[in-house]
Protein backbone atom coordinates (compact mmCIF):
# COMPACT_ATOMS: atom_id res chain seq x y z
CA MET A 1 2.23 19.88 -37.72
CA ASN A 2 3.12 17.24 -35.12
CA GLY A 3 2.73 18.00 -31.42
CA HIS A 4 2.61 21.46 -29.93
CA LEU A 5 4.98 24.32 -30.64
CA PHE A 6 5.90 26.89 -28.01
CA ASP A 7 6.54 30.59 -28.58
CA GLY A 8 9.61 31.02 -30.76
CA GLN A 9 9.81 27.31 -31.60
CA THR A 10 9.69 26.22 -35.22
CA GLU A 11 8.77 22.84 -36.58
CA GLY A 12 11.83 20.93 -37.68
CA PRO A 13 13.69 17.67 -37.18
CA MET A 14 13.20 15.91 -33.86
CA THR A 15 15.98 16.10 -31.31
CA ALA A 16 16.92 12.77 -29.73
CA ILE A 17 17.78 12.67 -26.02
CA ARG A 18 20.32 10.01 -24.98
CA TYR A 19 21.21 9.15 -21.39
CA LEU A 20 24.75 7.83 -20.98
CA SER A 21 26.04 5.68 -18.16
CA PRO A 22 29.42 6.64 -16.66
CA LYS A 23 31.03 3.89 -18.77
CA ASP A 24 29.49 4.91 -22.12
CA GLU A 25 31.68 6.65 -24.66
CA ILE A 26 30.91 10.30 -25.34
CA PRO A 27 29.69 10.64 -28.94
CA VAL A 28 32.11 12.18 -31.43
CA GLU A 29 29.35 13.76 -33.53
CA ARG A 30 28.14 17.22 -32.60
CA HIS A 31 25.61 17.24 -29.79
CA VAL A 32 24.38 19.31 -26.87
CA ALA A 33 25.83 17.86 -23.67
CA VAL A 34 23.88 18.09 -20.40
CA ILE A 35 26.22 17.57 -17.45
CA VAL A 36 24.48 16.41 -14.27
CA HIS A 37 26.02 16.80 -10.83
CA ARG A 38 24.98 17.03 -7.18
CA GLY A 39 24.45 20.60 -6.10
CA PHE A 40 23.82 22.21 -2.74
CA GLY A 41 21.81 19.96 -0.44
CA GLY A 42 22.29 16.98 -2.74
CA MET A 43 19.86 18.25 -5.38
CA GLU A 44 20.58 17.13 -8.96
CA GLN A 45 21.66 20.15 -10.95
CA ALA A 46 22.90 20.44 -14.50
CA TYR A 47 24.27 22.73 -17.17
CA PHE A 48 24.60 22.27 -20.92
CA PHE A 49 26.91 23.22 -23.76
CA ASP A 50 27.40 22.74 -27.50
CA SER A 51 30.02 20.01 -27.94
CA ALA A 52 31.51 21.92 -30.89
CA LYS A 53 32.29 24.84 -28.57
CA GLY A 54 33.57 22.98 -25.50
CA ASP A 55 32.72 22.70 -21.82
CA ASN A 56 33.14 25.84 -19.71
CA GLY A 57 32.21 24.04 -16.49
CA GLY A 58 28.80 25.53 -15.70
CA SER A 59 28.13 28.10 -13.01
CA ALA A 60 27.95 25.98 -9.82
CA GLY A 61 25.26 27.64 -7.68
CA PHE A 62 23.56 29.05 -10.76
CA ASP A 63 23.11 25.75 -12.61
CA TRP A 64 19.52 24.63 -13.33
CA ARG A 65 17.54 21.75 -11.92
CA MET A 66 18.29 18.71 -14.08
CA SER A 67 14.84 18.65 -15.75
CA GLU A 68 15.03 22.35 -16.61
CA ALA A 69 18.55 21.96 -18.05
CA ILE A 70 17.34 19.12 -20.29
CA GLU A 71 14.39 21.20 -21.49
CA ARG A 72 16.60 24.21 -22.22
CA ALA A 73 19.25 22.04 -23.91
CA THR A 74 16.62 20.44 -26.13
CA ARG A 75 15.25 23.83 -27.14
CA PHE A 76 18.80 25.08 -27.85
CA ALA A 77 19.53 21.97 -29.95
CA GLN A 78 16.37 22.49 -32.00
CA GLU A 79 17.17 26.16 -32.57
CA GLN A 80 20.72 25.30 -33.66
CA GLY A 81 19.74 22.30 -35.81
CA ILE A 82 21.63 19.86 -33.56
CA GLU A 83 20.01 16.42 -33.67
CA GLN A 84 21.15 14.99 -30.34
CA VAL A 85 21.15 15.92 -26.65
CA VAL A 86 23.40 13.73 -24.49
CA VAL A 87 22.76 13.61 -20.73
CA ARG A 88 25.65 12.35 -18.61
CA SER A 89 27.21 12.72 -15.20
CA ALA A 90 30.21 14.96 -14.62
CA ARG A 91 33.46 13.12 -15.34
CA VAL A 92 36.79 13.80 -13.71
């Protein structure tokens, strides 16, 4: 076993985390997207979604801190067998 596993986590393929600049193309392959935006008071907040299911826009005031969203997205990706988490800013 490599590393430490948390409750409910199983050992499996590693999930890669990619950070995209605003000019980078969004990958066409399935991934978990973490969308980062400025929340109340200028704090970086984020939400995530499965790219195969589409973006529902998050929950505004109920979005997570960016670091927590990345952690949750990575865990979700591992549970779903998705190999890539893509972190990017909100695009209009």
